[in-house]
Amino acid sequence: MQIATFKEVHRSKAVIHTYLAWCDEPGYPLGKAITSQSLQPQTSIARKFTDWLVRLFE
């Protein structure tokens, strides 16, 4: 069953926007998240989120 409707080439974009949608301030623009350093992939919560996304879409 395929639940994702984006093309494989857009996977990383889908992942980052999913992450931003689940943040305390949902809908935070990607550019603003980058410049404010809201995206910190080394944190434990970011690793848990990434692992969950990988399991979800595999």
C-alpha atoms as a PDB file:
ATOM      1  CA  MET A   1       0.000   0.000   0.000  1.00  0.00           C
ATOM      2  CA  GLN A   2       1.372   3.378  -0.961  1.00  0.00           C
ATOM      3  CA  ILE A   3       0.170   6.229   1.242  1.00  0.00           C
ATOM      4  CA  ALA A   4       2.632   8.873   0.072  1.00  0.00           C
ATOM      5  CA  THR A   5       1.633  10.849  -3.005  1.00  0.00           C
ATOM      6  CA  PHE A   6       4.924  12.646  -3.632  1.00  0.00           C
ATOM      7  CA  LYS A   7       7.580  11.528  -6.100  1.00  0.00           C
ATOM      8  CA  GLU A   8      10.673   9.811  -4.710  1.00  0.00           C
ATOM      9  CA  VAL A   9      12.788  12.770  -5.827  1.00  0.00           C
ATOM     10  CA  HIS A  10      10.766  14.960  -3.408  1.00  0.00           C
ATOM     11  CA  ARG A  11      11.163  12.658  -0.389  1.00  0.00           C
ATOM     12  CA  SER A  12      13.574  14.928   1.507  1.00  0.00           C
ATOM     13  CA  LYS A  13      11.241  17.897   1.033  1.00  0.00           C
ATOM     14  CA  ALA A  14       8.311  15.843   2.338  1.00  0.00           C
ATOM     15  CA  VAL A  15      10.321  14.741   5.358  1.00  0.00           C
ATOM     16  CA  ILE A  16      11.428  18.231   6.359  1.00  0.00           C
ATOM     17  CA  HIS A  17       7.967  19.719   5.939  1.00  0.00           C
ATOM     18  CA  THR A  18       6.473  16.877   7.975  1.00  0.00           C
ATOM     19  CA  TYR A  19       8.966  17.630  10.732  1.00  0.00           C
ATOM     20  CA  LEU A  20       8.150  21.348  10.639  1.00  0.00           C
ATOM     21  CA  ALA A  21       4.423  20.558  10.793  1.00  0.00           C
ATOM     22  CA  TRP A  22       4.936  18.627  14.055  1.00  0.00           C
ATOM     23  CA  CYS A  23       6.972  21.349  15.781  1.00  0.00           C
ATOM     24  CA  ASP A  24       5.610  23.500  18.624  1.00  0.00           C
ATOM     25  CA  GLU A  25       5.061  26.264  16.077  1.00  0.00           C
ATOM     26  CA  PRO A  26       3.578  24.322  13.126  1.00  0.00           C
ATOM     27  CA  GLY A  27       3.943  25.693   9.636  1.00  0.00           C
ATOM     28  CA  TYR A  28       7.291  27.377  10.351  1.00  0.00           C
ATOM     29  CA  PRO A  29       8.802  28.232   6.940  1.00  0.00           C
ATOM     30  CA  LEU A  30      11.804  26.114   5.972  1.00  0.00           C
ATOM     31  CA  GLY A  31      14.087  29.101   5.340  1.00  0.00           C
ATOM     32  CA  LYS A  32      13.267  30.600   8.727  1.00  0.00           C
ATOM     33  CA  ALA A  33      13.826  27.251  10.457  1.00  0.00           C
ATOM     34  CA  ILE A  34      17.277  27.027   8.898  1.00  0.00           C
ATOM     35  CA  THR A  35      18.353  30.575   9.742  1.00  0.00           C
ATOM     36  CA  SER A  36      17.042  30.334  13.317  1.00  0.00           C
ATOM     37  CA  GLN A  37      18.850  26.998  13.733  1.00  0.00           C
ATOM     38  CA  SER A  38      15.611  25.260  14.698  1.00  0.00           C
ATOM     39  CA  LEU A  39      16.714  22.231  12.717  1.00  0.00           C
ATOM     40  CA  GLN A  40      19.318  20.451  14.798  1.00  0.00           C
ATOM     41  CA  PRO A  41      19.720  16.897  13.471  1.00  0.00           C
ATOM     42  CA  GLN A  42      22.101  15.832  16.248  1.00  0.00           C
ATOM     43  CA  THR A  43      19.474  16.125  18.998  1.00  0.00           C
ATOM     44  CA  SER A  44      17.854  12.981  20.361  1.00  0.00           C
ATOM     45  CA  ILE A  45      14.352  14.097  19.364  1.00  0.00           C
ATOM     46  CA  ALA A  46      15.501  14.738  15.790  1.00  0.00           C
ATOM     47  CA  ARG A  47      17.056  11.268  15.618  1.00  0.00           C
ATOM     48  CA  LYS A  48      13.863   9.685  16.989  1.00  0.00           C
ATOM     49  CA  PHE A  49      11.777  11.607  14.459  1.00  0.00           C
ATOM     50  CA  THR A  50      14.065  10.578  11.599  1.00  0.00           C
ATOM     51  CA  ASP A  51      13.939   6.938  12.676  1.00  0.00           C
ATOM     52  CA  TRP A  52      10.143   7.092  12.839  1.00  0.00           C
ATOM     53  CA  LEU A  53       9.921   8.589   9.354  1.00  0.00           C
ATOM     54  CA  VAL A  54      12.213   5.940   7.928  1.00  0.00           C
ATOM     55  CA  ARG A  55      10.080   3.179   9.472  1.00  0.00           C
ATOM     56  CA  LEU A  56       6.903   4.856   8.248  1.00  0.00           C
ATOM     57  CA  PHE A  57       7.941   5.131   4.601  1.00  0.00           C
ATOM     58  CA  GLU A  58       9.844   1.872   4.188  1.00  0.00           C
END
